[in-house]
Amino acid sequence: MTDTDLTTLPPNFYPTYETCPSISPLCPVKATTLGYSPNLPVNVFLAVGFGLFGIITLLTGLWKKTWGFSTTVAAGCILECVGYIGRVLLSENAWNADAFKMQIVAIVLGPTLVCVGLYLTLRHIVISLNPEMSRIAPRLYPIFFVPADVSCLVIQAIGGGVAAAAGRDNYDILKHGNRIIMAGIVLQVLVLGAFGGLAGDYLVRVRKGFKQNPGMEGSALWKDGKFRGFLWAMGGAYAALLIRCVYRIAEMAGGWGNHIMQHESSFVVLESFMVLIACGLLACAAPGLLFPEMSHDQRVKNMGKGRQQGGVDVESGAGEKTAGTGASASPSDTERRPGTGEGI
């Protein structure tokens, strides 16, 4: 059946997720919002991949006690897995309304939670390397970026819910849902851009400082091969998530059912695999493995050293001094106060 066949449908009949139980001559796949039946092997692979990375991230987090990072990233992976299970169901029946709603909501929200994991790492990197090189106090990074990302999550969740409820039956409500999702994704790109700018600025300043003064505080960690691998992995995950968000803006700009949305290959490459790469990097290069300073046990150990040496919390502002000594507070000595855990 071709697109022109839609003009020969019975009077007052239009194929929707309510009127079409399955693909048939009256309900062609081209009339669905996606315009195609998702590729079954690809989506099975993606569902398994996200599920596997979610389990790895969660187990590593439990083992190394990186609570905040592992919880948010694993939750994002699980949402992605649920979303691609929805697309597996759509490959069997493109008019499955529940599966369509499942994949809309889960795939839109999953990457936002993964971004939170990225945002949590910057504070710990700054504290462990050299907080005096940061333009702002380390504690301010998560205070700004996590609520901002949660705002993106809430906005996109509202938009996804509105769009899923409308299906393709109520086009006006569908457009409103699309605009809300667009607003959330645009905000997410802005937040990611600000994060990348601040992180890049800090790393450039640190690199320049270590070149000028090789013995500066944090130089040993900067030269550590595992830590450098961790930085590269975080950078790769950041780039993949940014590409995904920019693609989503282009995809949603034309409204539901536009030609970009109905092009499966671009979705798989620029949405699915970008997020899968990000989740894979965060799972395999988890901070508990390559950046142990972020683990709970290491922070407790450093906190004990800070007590013995009379240190103060460097998170309250870059460049604070140790009480009564006039020496710069070491991030390894003063990284955490009692009861903070990993925090945000």
C-alpha atoms as a PDB file:
ATOM      1  CA  MET A   1       0.000   0.000   0.000  1.00  0.00           C
ATOM      2  CA  THR A   2       1.281   3.481  -0.900  1.00  0.00           C
ATOM      3  CA  ASP A   3       0.635   6.890   0.638  1.00  0.00           C
ATOM      4  CA  THR A   4      -2.006   7.636  -2.008  1.00  0.00           C
ATOM      5  CA  ASP A   5      -4.032   4.682  -0.776  1.00  0.00           C
ATOM      6  CA  LEU A   6      -4.996   6.737   2.273  1.00  0.00           C
ATOM      7  CA  THR A   7      -7.347   8.760   0.027  1.00  0.00           C
ATOM      8  CA  THR A   8      -9.385   5.638  -0.755  1.00  0.00           C
ATOM      9  CA  LEU A   9     -10.220   4.820   2.872  1.00  0.00           C
ATOM     10  CA  PRO A  10     -13.889   4.541   3.947  1.00  0.00           C
ATOM     11  CA  PRO A  11     -15.695   7.831   4.682  1.00  0.00           C
ATOM     12  CA  ASN A  12     -15.034   9.355   8.115  1.00  0.00           C
ATOM     13  CA  PHE A  13     -12.264   6.844   8.784  1.00  0.00           C
ATOM     14  CA  TYR A  14      -8.716   7.833   9.589  1.00  0.00           C
ATOM     15  CA  PRO A  15      -6.127   5.380  10.899  1.00  0.00           C
ATOM     16  CA  THR A  16      -5.202   6.165  14.516  1.00  0.00           C
ATOM     17  CA  TYR A  17      -3.841   4.231  17.483  1.00  0.00           C
ATOM     18  CA  GLU A  18      -7.432   3.861  18.695  1.00  0.00           C
ATOM     19  CA  THR A  19      -9.008   2.755  15.420  1.00  0.00           C
ATOM     20  CA  CYS A  20      -6.187   0.482  14.236  1.00  0.00           C
ATOM     21  CA  PRO A  21      -5.426  -2.655  16.248  1.00  0.00           C
ATOM     22  CA  SER A  22      -2.741  -3.786  13.795  1.00  0.00           C
ATOM     23  CA  ILE A  23      -1.296  -3.192  10.331  1.00  0.00           C
ATOM     24  CA  SER A  24      -3.877  -3.818   7.607  1.00  0.00           C
ATOM     25  CA  PRO A  25      -4.908  -2.365   4.251  1.00  0.00           C
ATOM     26  CA  LEU A  26      -6.957   0.232   6.150  1.00  0.00           C
ATOM     27  CA  CYS A  27      -4.145   0.864   8.656  1.00  0.00           C
ATOM     28  CA  PRO A  28      -0.849   0.993   6.746  1.00  0.00           C
ATOM     29  CA  VAL A  29       2.423   1.396   8.645  1.00  0.00           C
ATOM     30  CA  LYS A  30       3.007   4.683   6.786  1.00  0.00           C
ATOM     31  CA  ALA A  31       0.076   6.201   8.670  1.00  0.00           C
ATOM     32  CA  THR A  32       1.751   5.679  12.061  1.00  0.00           C
ATOM     33  CA  THR A  33       3.664   8.504  13.711  1.00  0.00           C
ATOM     34  CA  LEU A  34       6.991   6.789  13.066  1.00  0.00           C
ATOM     35  CA  GLY A  35       6.021   5.746   9.563  1.00  0.00           C
ATOM     36  CA  TYR A  36       7.896   2.450   9.829  1.00  0.00           C
ATOM     37  CA  SER A  37       8.109  -0.744  11.838  1.00  0.00           C
ATOM     38  CA  PRO A  38      11.296  -0.510  13.959  1.00  0.00           C
ATOM     39  CA  ASN A  39      14.062  -2.937  13.035  1.00  0.00           C
ATOM     40  CA  LEU A  40      13.732  -5.908  15.398  1.00  0.00           C
ATOM     41  CA  PRO A  41      17.400  -7.068  15.645  1.00  0.00           C
ATOM     42  CA  VAL A  42      18.685  -3.513  16.138  1.00  0.00           C
ATOM     43  CA  ASN A  43      16.230  -2.731  18.893  1.00  0.00           C
ATOM     44  CA  VAL A  44      16.784  -6.053  20.659  1.00  0.00           C
ATOM     45  CA  PHE A  45      20.516  -5.266  20.597  1.00  0.00           C
ATOM     46  CA  LEU A  46      19.883  -1.792  22.024  1.00  0.00           C
ATOM     47  CA  ALA A  47      17.553  -3.044  24.750  1.00  0.00           C
ATOM     48  CA  VAL A  48      20.084  -5.685  25.813  1.00  0.00           C
ATOM     49  CA  GLY A  49      22.965  -3.211  25.603  1.00  0.00           C
ATOM     50  CA  PHE A  50      21.283  -0.610  27.792  1.00  0.00           C
ATOM     51  CA  GLY A  51      20.153  -3.256  30.252  1.00  0.00           C
ATOM     52  CA  LEU A  52      23.679  -4.660  30.484  1.00  0.00           C
ATOM     53  CA  PHE A  53      25.264  -1.229  30.997  1.00  0.00           C
ATOM     54  CA  GLY A  54      22.658  -0.422  33.629  1.00  0.00           C
ATOM     55  CA  ILE A  55      23.467  -3.597  35.568  1.00  0.00           C
ATOM     56  CA  ILE A  56      27.237  -2.994  35.277  1.00  0.00           C
ATOM     57  CA  THR A  57      26.866   0.593  36.469  1.00  0.00           C
ATOM     58  CA  LEU A  58      24.671  -0.396  39.396  1.00  0.00           C
ATOM     59  CA  LEU A  59      26.916  -3.266  40.514  1.00  0.00           C
ATOM     60  CA  THR A  60      30.044  -1.115  40.215  1.00  0.00           C
ATOM     61  CA  GLY A  61      28.349   1.612  42.211  1.00  0.00           C
ATOM     62  CA  LEU A  62      27.396  -0.817  44.967  1.00  0.00           C
ATOM     63  CA  TRP A  63      30.910  -2.262  44.992  1.00  0.00           C
ATOM     64  CA  LYS A  64      32.777   1.056  44.980  1.00  0.00           C
ATOM     65  CA  LYS A  65      30.050   3.028  46.781  1.00  0.00           C
ATOM     66  CA  THR A  66      29.632   5.799  44.218  1.00  0.00           C
ATOM     67  CA  TRP A  67      25.977   6.175  45.134  1.00  0.00           C
ATOM     68  CA  GLY A  68      24.836   9.321  43.326  1.00  0.00           C
ATOM     69  CA  PHE A  69      26.656   8.643  40.062  1.00  0.00           C
ATOM     70  CA  SER A  70      25.712   4.976  39.765  1.00  0.00           C
ATOM     71  CA  THR A  71      22.069   5.506  40.751  1.00  0.00           C
ATOM     72  CA  THR A  72      21.360   8.219  38.179  1.00  0.00           C
ATOM     73  CA  VAL A  73      23.277   6.618  35.306  1.00  0.00           C
ATOM     74  CA  ALA A  74      21.810   3.171  35.989  1.00  0.00           C
ATOM     75  CA  ALA A  75      18.310   4.662  36.138  1.00  0.00           C
ATOM     76  CA  GLY A  76      18.919   6.333  32.772  1.00  0.00           C
ATOM     77  CA  CYS A  77      20.111   3.031  31.281  1.00  0.00           C
ATOM     78  CA  ILE A  78      17.071   1.209  32.628  1.00  0.00           C
ATOM     79  CA  LEU A  79      14.732   3.810  31.131  1.00  0.00           C
ATOM     80  CA  GLU A  80      16.490   3.448  27.786  1.00  0.00           C
ATOM     81  CA  CYS A  81      16.135  -0.331  28.021  1.00  0.00           C
ATOM     82  CA  VAL A  82      12.400   0.040  28.670  1.00  0.00           C
ATOM     83  CA  GLY A  83      12.116   2.419  25.721  1.00  0.00           C
ATOM     84  CA  TYR A  84      13.740   0.000  23.303  1.00  0.00           C
ATOM     85  CA  ILE A  85      11.618  -2.857  24.597  1.00  0.00           C
ATOM     86  CA  GLY A  86       8.741  -0.645  23.507  1.00  0.00           C
ATOM     87  CA  ARG A  87      10.296  -0.351  20.053  1.00  0.00           C
ATOM     88  CA  VAL A  88      10.726  -4.139  19.926  1.00  0.00           C
ATOM     89  CA  LEU A  89       6.989  -4.430  20.523  1.00  0.00           C
ATOM     90  CA  LEU A  90       6.374  -1.825  17.820  1.00  0.00           C
ATOM     91  CA  SER A  91       8.403  -3.908  15.370  1.00  0.00           C
ATOM     92  CA  GLU A  92       5.821  -6.642  15.860  1.00  0.00           C
ATOM     93  CA  ASN A  93       2.862  -4.264  15.620  1.00  0.00           C
ATOM     94  CA  ALA A  94       3.469  -0.648  14.640  1.00  0.00           C
ATOM     95  CA  TRP A  95      -0.044   0.273  15.900  1.00  0.00           C
ATOM     96  CA  ASN A  96       0.611  -0.891  19.467  1.00  0.00           C
ATOM     97  CA  ALA A  97      -0.464   2.262  21.341  1.00  0.00           C
ATOM     98  CA  ASP A  98       0.988   1.232  24.708  1.00  0.00           C
ATOM     99  CA  ALA A  99       4.362   0.412  23.171  1.00  0.00           C
ATOM    100  CA  PHE A 100       4.360   3.736  21.315  1.00  0.00           C
ATOM    101  CA  LYS A 101       3.743   5.666  24.537  1.00  0.00           C
ATOM    102  CA  MET A 102       6.354   3.583  26.368  1.00  0.00           C
ATOM    103  CA  GLN A 103       9.106   4.364  23.892  1.00  0.00           C
ATOM    104  CA  ILE A 104       8.226   8.069  23.683  1.00  0.00           C
ATOM    105  CA  VAL A 105       8.471   8.693  27.418  1.00  0.00           C
ATOM    106  CA  ALA A 106      11.377   6.379  28.280  1.00  0.00           C
ATOM    107  CA  ILE A 107      13.705   7.327  25.408  1.00  0.00           C
ATOM    108  CA  VAL A 108      13.088  11.046  25.947  1.00  0.00           C
ATOM    109  CA  LEU A 109      13.782  10.911  29.699  1.00  0.00           C
ATOM    110  CA  GLY A 110      16.628   8.374  29.893  1.00  0.00           C
ATOM    111  CA  PRO A 111      19.481  10.588  28.618  1.00  0.00           C
ATOM    112  CA  THR A 112      18.529  13.358  31.038  1.00  0.00           C
ATOM    113  CA  LEU A 113      19.307  11.093  33.988  1.00  0.00           C
ATOM    114  CA  VAL A 114      22.570  10.027  32.367  1.00  0.00           C
ATOM    115  CA  CYS A 115      23.531  13.709  32.135  1.00  0.00           C
ATOM    116  CA  VAL A 116      23.104  14.023  35.917  1.00  0.00           C
ATOM    117  CA  GLY A 117      25.853  11.439  36.349  1.00  0.00           C
ATOM    118  CA  LEU A 118      28.165  13.608  34.266  1.00  0.00           C
ATOM    119  CA  TYR A 119      27.346  16.701  36.285  1.00  0.00           C
ATOM    120  CA  LEU A 120      28.174  14.943  39.554  1.00  0.00           C
ATOM    121  CA  THR A 121      31.732  14.171  38.442  1.00  0.00           C
ATOM    122  CA  LEU A 122      32.926  17.756  37.902  1.00  0.00           C
ATOM    123  CA  ARG A 123      32.775  18.756  41.557  1.00  0.00           C
ATOM    124  CA  HIS A 124      34.871  15.745  42.566  1.00  0.00           C
ATOM    125  CA  ILE A 125      37.379  16.338  39.768  1.00  0.00           C
ATOM    126  CA  VAL A 126      37.876  19.942  40.870  1.00  0.00           C
ATOM    127  CA  ILE A 127      38.229  19.042  44.556  1.00  0.00           C
ATOM    128  CA  SER A 128      40.688  16.232  43.854  1.00  0.00           C
ATOM    129  CA  LEU A 129      42.837  18.102  41.319  1.00  0.00           C
ATOM    130  CA  ASN A 130      43.146  21.701  42.475  1.00  0.00           C
ATOM    131  CA  PRO A 131      40.107  23.668  43.691  1.00  0.00           C
ATOM    132  CA  GLU A 132      42.068  26.930  43.628  1.00  0.00           C
ATOM    133  CA  MET A 133      42.140  26.759  39.814  1.00  0.00           C
ATOM    134  CA  SER A 134      38.332  26.737  39.591  1.00  0.00           C
ATOM    135  CA  ARG A 135      36.564  30.014  38.870  1.00  0.00           C
ATOM    136  CA  ILE A 136      33.716  29.013  41.215  1.00  0.00           C
ATOM    137  CA  ALA A 137      33.502  26.973  44.430  1.00  0.00           C
ATOM    138  CA  PRO A 138      33.289  23.213  43.673  1.00  0.00           C
ATOM    139  CA  ARG A 139      30.032  22.835  45.618  1.00  0.00           C
ATOM    140  CA  LEU A 140      28.296  25.221  43.195  1.00  0.00           C
ATOM    141  CA  TYR A 141      28.653  22.915  40.186  1.00  0.00           C
ATOM    142  CA  PRO A 142      26.028  20.348  41.280  1.00  0.00           C
ATOM    143  CA  ILE A 143      23.942  23.026  43.017  1.00  0.00           C
ATOM    144  CA  PHE A 144      23.387  24.643  39.616  1.00  0.00           C
ATOM    145  CA  PHE A 145      23.578  21.808  37.095  1.00  0.00           C
ATOM    146  CA  VAL A 146      21.588  19.073  38.848  1.00  0.00           C
ATOM    147  CA  PRO A 147      18.446  21.220  39.451  1.00  0.00           C
ATOM    148  CA  ALA A 148      18.774  22.610  35.930  1.00  0.00           C
ATOM    149  CA  ASP A 149      18.898  19.083  34.496  1.00  0.00           C
ATOM    150  CA  VAL A 150      15.990  17.986  36.690  1.00  0.00           C
ATOM    151  CA  SER A 151      14.045  20.934  35.242  1.00  0.00           C
ATOM    152  CA  CYS A 152      14.784  19.574  31.754  1.00  0.00           C
ATOM    153  CA  LEU A 153      13.585  16.164  32.928  1.00  0.00           C
ATOM    154  CA  VAL A 154      10.319  17.545  34.308  1.00  0.00           C
ATOM    155  CA  ILE A 155       9.609  19.629  31.202  1.00  0.00           C
ATOM    156  CA  GLN A 156      10.282  16.723  28.844  1.00  0.00           C
ATOM    157  CA  ALA A 157       8.253  14.349  31.034  1.00  0.00           C
ATOM    158  CA  ILE A 158       5.276  16.690  30.850  1.00  0.00           C
ATOM    159  CA  GLY A 159       5.657  17.053  27.098  1.00  0.00           C
ATOM    160  CA  GLY A 160       6.100  13.310  26.598  1.00  0.00           C
ATOM    161  CA  GLY A 161       3.014  12.609  28.703  1.00  0.00           C
ATOM    162  CA  VAL A 162       0.926  15.107  26.756  1.00  0.00           C
ATOM    163  CA  ALA A 163       2.130  13.740  23.418  1.00  0.00           C
ATOM    164  CA  ALA A 164       1.628  10.119  24.465  1.00  0.00           C
ATOM    165  CA  ALA A 165      -1.908  10.868  25.674  1.00  0.00           C
ATOM    166  CA  ALA A 166      -2.765  12.608  22.410  1.00  0.00           C
ATOM    167  CA  GLY A 167      -1.320   9.910  20.158  1.00  0.00           C
ATOM    168  CA  ARG A 168      -2.105  11.032  16.614  1.00  0.00           C
ATOM    169  CA  ASP A 169      -5.783  11.528  17.240  1.00  0.00           C
ATOM    170  CA  ASN A 170      -5.745  15.040  18.693  1.00  0.00           C
ATOM    171  CA  TYR A 171      -3.263  16.977  16.592  1.00  0.00           C
ATOM    172  CA  ASP A 172      -3.542  20.221  18.585  1.00  0.00           C
ATOM    173  CA  ILE A 173      -2.659  18.493  21.865  1.00  0.00           C
ATOM    174  CA  LEU A 174       0.072  16.572  20.071  1.00  0.00           C
ATOM    175  CA  LYS A 175       1.626  19.851  18.869  1.00  0.00           C
ATOM    176  CA  HIS A 176       1.565  21.254  22.404  1.00  0.00           C
ATOM    177  CA  GLY A 177       3.294  18.129  23.701  1.00  0.00           C
ATOM    178  CA  ASN A 178       5.889  18.461  20.946  1.00  0.00           C
ATOM    179  CA  ARG A 179       6.585  22.094  21.852  1.00  0.00           C
ATOM    180  CA  ILE A 180       6.984  21.248  25.527  1.00  0.00           C
ATOM    181  CA  ILE A 181       9.448  18.462  24.711  1.00  0.00           C
ATOM    182  CA  MET A 182      11.310  20.854  22.405  1.00  0.00           C
ATOM    183  CA  ALA A 183      11.590  23.415  25.194  1.00  0.00           C
ATOM    184  CA  GLY A 184      13.008  20.790  27.542  1.00  0.00           C
ATOM    185  CA  ILE A 185      15.562  19.582  24.978  1.00  0.00           C
ATOM    186  CA  VAL A 186      16.663  23.124  24.074  1.00  0.00           C
ATOM    187  CA  LEU A 187      17.134  23.870  27.767  1.00  0.00           C
ATOM    188  CA  GLN A 188      19.125  20.647  28.094  1.00  0.00           C
ATOM    189  CA  VAL A 189      21.429  21.704  25.251  1.00  0.00           C
ATOM    190  CA  LEU A 190      21.983  25.058  26.955  1.00  0.00           C
ATOM    191  CA  VAL A 191      22.752  23.361  30.277  1.00  0.00           C
ATOM    192  CA  LEU A 192      25.110  20.887  28.562  1.00  0.00           C
ATOM    193  CA  GLY A 193      26.803  23.772  26.763  1.00  0.00           C
ATOM    194  CA  ALA A 194      27.329  25.680  30.016  1.00  0.00           C
ATOM    195  CA  PHE A 195      28.668  22.535  31.687  1.00  0.00           C
ATOM    196  CA  GLY A 196      31.070  21.852  28.830  1.00  0.00           C
ATOM    197  CA  GLY A 197      32.253  25.460  28.874  1.00  0.00           C
ATOM    198  CA  LEU A 198      32.990  25.456  32.610  1.00  0.00           C
ATOM    199  CA  ALA A 199      34.579  21.993  32.577  1.00  0.00           C
ATOM    200  CA  GLY A 200      36.699  22.828  29.547  1.00  0.00           C
ATOM    201  CA  ASP A 201      37.780  26.152  31.039  1.00  0.00           C
ATOM    202  CA  TYR A 202      38.820  24.464  34.287  1.00  0.00           C
ATOM    203  CA  LEU A 203      40.788  21.683  32.566  1.00  0.00           C
ATOM    204  CA  VAL A 204      42.589  24.199  30.328  1.00  0.00           C
ATOM    205  CA  ARG A 205      43.534  26.279  33.360  1.00  0.00           C
ATOM    206  CA  VAL A 206      44.738  23.207  35.246  1.00  0.00           C
ATOM    207  CA  ARG A 207      46.768  21.964  32.301  1.00  0.00           C
ATOM    208  CA  LYS A 208      48.415  25.355  31.903  1.00  0.00           C
ATOM    209  CA  GLY A 209      49.103  25.538  35.640  1.00  0.00           C
ATOM    210  CA  PHE A 210      50.731  22.109  35.726  1.00  0.00           C
ATOM    211  CA  LYS A 211      52.947  23.016  32.775  1.00  0.00           C
ATOM    212  CA  GLN A 212      54.123  26.165  34.536  1.00  0.00           C
ATOM    213  CA  ASN A 213      54.485  24.473  37.928  1.00  0.00           C
ATOM    214  CA  PRO A 214      54.911  20.679  37.635  1.00  0.00           C
ATOM    215  CA  GLY A 215      54.945  20.283  41.412  1.00  0.00           C
ATOM    216  CA  MET A 216      51.647  22.087  41.940  1.00  0.00           C
ATOM    217  CA  GLU A 217      48.965  20.454  44.083  1.00  0.00           C
ATOM    218  CA  GLY A 218      47.147  17.733  42.126  1.00  0.00           C
ATOM    219  CA  SER A 219      49.934  17.127  39.597  1.00  0.00           C
ATOM    220  CA  ALA A 220      50.290  13.461  40.596  1.00  0.00           C
ATOM    221  CA  LEU A 221      46.606  12.791  39.919  1.00  0.00           C
ATOM    222  CA  TRP A 222      46.769  14.749  36.649  1.00  0.00           C
ATOM    223  CA  LYS A 223      49.564  12.473  35.400  1.00  0.00           C
ATOM    224  CA  ASP A 224      47.794   9.282  36.497  1.00  0.00           C
ATOM    225  CA  GLY A 225      46.909   7.133  33.489  1.00  0.00           C
ATOM    226  CA  LYS A 226      43.621   5.870  34.930  1.00  0.00           C
ATOM    227  CA  PHE A 227      42.476   9.382  35.743  1.00  0.00           C
ATOM    228  CA  ARG A 228      43.332  10.606  32.245  1.00  0.00           C
ATOM    229  CA  GLY A 229      41.339   7.689  30.835  1.00  0.00           C
ATOM    230  CA  PHE A 230      38.438   8.691  33.064  1.00  0.00           C
ATOM    231  CA  LEU A 231      38.573  12.261  31.713  1.00  0.00           C
ATOM    232  CA  TRP A 232      38.597  11.041  28.114  1.00  0.00           C
ATOM    233  CA  ALA A 233      35.637   8.753  28.807  1.00  0.00           C
ATOM    234  CA  MET A 234      33.658  11.603  30.403  1.00  0.00           C
ATOM    235  CA  GLY A 235      34.517  13.818  27.419  1.00  0.00           C
ATOM    236  CA  GLY A 236      33.353  11.158  24.965  1.00  0.00           C
ATOM    237  CA  ALA A 237      30.095  10.637  26.876  1.00  0.00           C
ATOM    238  CA  TYR A 238      29.519  14.390  26.966  1.00  0.00           C
ATOM    239  CA  ALA A 239      30.059  14.732  23.210  1.00  0.00           C
ATOM    240  CA  ALA A 240      27.714  11.812  22.454  1.00  0.00           C
ATOM    241  CA  LEU A 241      24.940  13.225  24.653  1.00  0.00           C
ATOM    242  CA  LEU A 242      25.324  16.686  23.114  1.00  0.00           C
ATOM    243  CA  ILE A 243      25.053  15.250  19.583  1.00  0.00           C
ATOM    244  CA  ARG A 244      21.932  13.366  20.648  1.00  0.00           C
ATOM    245  CA  CYS A 245      20.271  16.486  22.037  1.00  0.00           C
ATOM    246  CA  VAL A 246      21.047  18.562  18.934  1.00  0.00           C
ATOM    247  CA  TYR A 247      19.589  15.780  16.759  1.00  0.00           C
ATOM    248  CA  ARG A 248      16.464  15.687  18.923  1.00  0.00           C
ATOM    249  CA  ILE A 249      15.898  19.396  18.350  1.00  0.00           C
ATOM    250  CA  ALA A 250      16.068  18.881  14.582  1.00  0.00           C
ATOM    251  CA  GLU A 251      13.837  15.806  14.815  1.00  0.00           C
ATOM    252  CA  MET A 252      11.145  17.490  16.887  1.00  0.00           C
ATOM    253  CA  ALA A 253      11.241  20.821  15.031  1.00  0.00           C
ATOM    254  CA  GLY A 254       9.117  19.499  12.177  1.00  0.00           C
ATOM    255  CA  GLY A 255       6.400  18.118  14.429  1.00  0.00           C
ATOM    256  CA  TRP A 256       5.258  14.533  14.932  1.00  0.00           C
ATOM    257  CA  GLY A 257       5.471  12.356  11.857  1.00  0.00           C
ATOM    258  CA  ASN A 258       7.882  14.639   9.965  1.00  0.00           C
ATOM    259  CA  HIS A 259      10.402  13.201   7.502  1.00  0.00           C
ATOM    260  CA  ILE A 260      13.294  13.235  10.021  1.00  0.00           C
ATOM    261  CA  MET A 261      11.243  11.400  12.631  1.00  0.00           C
ATOM    262  CA  GLN A 262      10.250   8.825  10.025  1.00  0.00           C
ATOM    263  CA  HIS A 263      13.880   8.156   9.029  1.00  0.00           C
ATOM    264  CA  GLU A 264      14.907   5.191  11.166  1.00  0.00           C
ATOM    265  CA  SER A 265      18.602   5.142  10.243  1.00  0.00           C
ATOM    266  CA  SER A 266      19.238   8.681  11.463  1.00  0.00           C
ATOM    267  CA  PHE A 267      17.375   7.932  14.696  1.00  0.00           C
ATOM    268  CA  VAL A 268      19.433   4.799  15.340  1.00  0.00           C
ATOM    269  CA  VAL A 269      22.766   6.522  14.652  1.00  0.00           C
ATOM    270  CA  LEU A 270      22.199   9.959  16.202  1.00  0.00           C
ATOM    271  CA  GLU A 271      19.863   9.013  19.072  1.00  0.00           C
ATOM    272  CA  SER A 272      20.184   5.335  19.942  1.00  0.00           C
ATOM    273  CA  PHE A 273      23.899   4.747  19.448  1.00  0.00           C
ATOM    274  CA  MET A 274      24.958   8.140  20.808  1.00  0.00           C
ATOM    275  CA  VAL A 275      23.238   7.405  24.114  1.00  0.00           C
ATOM    276  CA  LEU A 276      24.464   3.795  24.072  1.00  0.00           C
ATOM    277  CA  ILE A 277      28.049   5.003  23.601  1.00  0.00           C
ATOM    278  CA  ALA A 278      27.639   7.461  26.484  1.00  0.00           C
ATOM    279  CA  CYS A 279      26.216   4.776  28.782  1.00  0.00           C
ATOM    280  CA  GLY A 280      28.929   2.322  27.750  1.00  0.00           C
ATOM    281  CA  LEU A 281      31.698   4.812  28.505  1.00  0.00           C
ATOM    282  CA  LEU A 282      30.195   5.709  31.880  1.00  0.00           C
ATOM    283  CA  ALA A 283      29.763   2.029  32.763  1.00  0.00           C
ATOM    284  CA  CYS A 284      33.193   0.782  31.656  1.00  0.00           C
ATOM    285  CA  ALA A 285      35.118   3.859  32.853  1.00  0.00           C
ATOM    286  CA  ALA A 286      33.131   4.288  36.056  1.00  0.00           C
ATOM    287  CA  PRO A 287      34.658   6.626  38.644  1.00  0.00           C
ATOM    288  CA  GLY A 288      34.835   3.804  41.170  1.00  0.00           C
ATOM    289  CA  LEU A 289      37.304   2.043  38.842  1.00  0.00           C
ATOM    290  CA  LEU A 290      39.343   4.889  37.330  1.00  0.00           C
ATOM    291  CA  PHE A 291      38.720   7.767  39.737  1.00  0.00           C
ATOM    292  CA  PRO A 292      38.651   6.235  43.236  1.00  0.00           C
ATOM    293  CA  GLU A 293      38.693   9.677  44.867  1.00  0.00           C
ATOM    294  CA  MET A 294      34.982   9.767  44.084  1.00  0.00           C
ATOM    295  CA  SER A 295      34.240   6.559  46.013  1.00  0.00           C
ATOM    296  CA  HIS A 296      32.691   6.691  49.476  1.00  0.00           C
ATOM    297  CA  ASP A 297      35.496   4.754  51.186  1.00  0.00           C
ATOM    298  CA  GLN A 298      38.182   7.069  49.821  1.00  0.00           C
ATOM    299  CA  ARG A 299      36.224  10.143  50.873  1.00  0.00           C
ATOM    300  CA  VAL A 300      35.827   8.779  54.414  1.00  0.00           C
ATOM    301  CA  LYS A 301      39.569   8.118  54.546  1.00  0.00           C
ATOM    302  CA  ASN A 302      40.345  11.632  53.317  1.00  0.00           C
ATOM    303  CA  MET A 303      37.854  13.097  55.776  1.00  0.00           C
ATOM    304  CA  GLY A 304      39.734  11.394  58.615  1.00  0.00           C
ATOM    305  CA  LYS A 305      42.990  12.887  57.418  1.00  0.00           C
ATOM    306  CA  GLY A 306      41.356  16.305  57.308  1.00  0.00           C
ATOM    307  CA  ARG A 307      40.260  15.950  60.940  1.00  0.00           C
ATOM    308  CA  GLN A 308      43.751  14.991  62.044  1.00  0.00           C
ATOM    309  CA  GLN A 309      45.338  17.892  60.194  1.00  0.00           C
ATOM    310  CA  GLY A 310      42.708  20.479  61.159  1.00  0.00           C
ATOM    311  CA  GLY A 311      41.631  21.111  57.562  1.00  0.00           C
ATOM    312  CA  VAL A 312      38.533  22.963  56.398  1.00  0.00           C
ATOM    313  CA  ASP A 313      36.140  22.151  53.576  1.00  0.00           C
ATOM    314  CA  VAL A 314      37.561  23.431  50.287  1.00  0.00           C
ATOM    315  CA  GLU A 315      34.089  23.247  48.728  1.00  0.00           C
ATOM    316  CA  SER A 316      33.055  26.466  50.443  1.00  0.00           C
ATOM    317  CA  GLY A 317      35.281  28.407  48.082  1.00  0.00           C
ATOM    318  CA  ALA A 318      38.448  28.050  46.034  1.00  0.00           C
ATOM    319  CA  GLY A 319      41.618  29.085  47.772  1.00  0.00           C
ATOM    320  CA  GLU A 320      40.565  28.788  51.449  1.00  0.00           C
ATOM    321  CA  LYS A 321      43.385  28.283  53.930  1.00  0.00           C
ATOM    322  CA  THR A 322      43.874  25.718  56.645  1.00  0.00           C
ATOM    323  CA  ALA A 323      43.040  27.215  59.999  1.00  0.00           C
ATOM    324  CA  GLY A 324      46.067  28.357  61.966  1.00  0.00           C
ATOM    325  CA  THR A 325      48.653  27.289  59.379  1.00  0.00           C
ATOM    326  CA  GLY A 326      48.268  29.693  56.444  1.00  0.00           C
ATOM    327  CA  ALA A 327      48.754  26.777  54.046  1.00  0.00           C
ATOM    328  CA  SER A 328      46.368  25.953  51.242  1.00  0.00           C
ATOM    329  CA  ALA A 329      43.811  23.315  52.215  1.00  0.00           C
ATOM    330  CA  SER A 330      44.489  20.095  50.358  1.00  0.00           C
ATOM    331  CA  PRO A 331      41.466  18.572  48.605  1.00  0.00           C
ATOM    332  CA  SER A 332      42.594  15.128  49.672  1.00  0.00           C
ATOM    333  CA  ASP A 333      42.663  16.300  53.299  1.00  0.00           C
ATOM    334  CA  THR A 334      39.439  18.286  53.331  1.00  0.00           C
ATOM    335  CA  GLU A 335      37.229  16.745  50.694  1.00  0.00           C
ATOM    336  CA  ARG A 336      34.172  15.896  52.794  1.00  0.00           C
ATOM    337  CA  ARG A 337      32.449  16.607  56.068  1.00  0.00           C
ATOM    338  CA  PRO A 338      30.813  13.858  58.154  1.00  0.00           C
ATOM    339  CA  GLY A 339      27.580  12.446  56.811  1.00  0.00           C
ATOM    340  CA  THR A 340      27.788  13.969  53.364  1.00  0.00           C
ATOM    341  CA  GLY A 341      28.242  10.721  51.444  1.00  0.00           C
ATOM    342  CA  GLU A 342      28.791  11.271  47.762  1.00  0.00           C
ATOM    343  CA  GLY A 343      26.240  14.061  47.673  1.00  0.00           C
ATOM    344  CA  ILE A 344      25.459  16.011  44.600  1.00  0.00           C
END
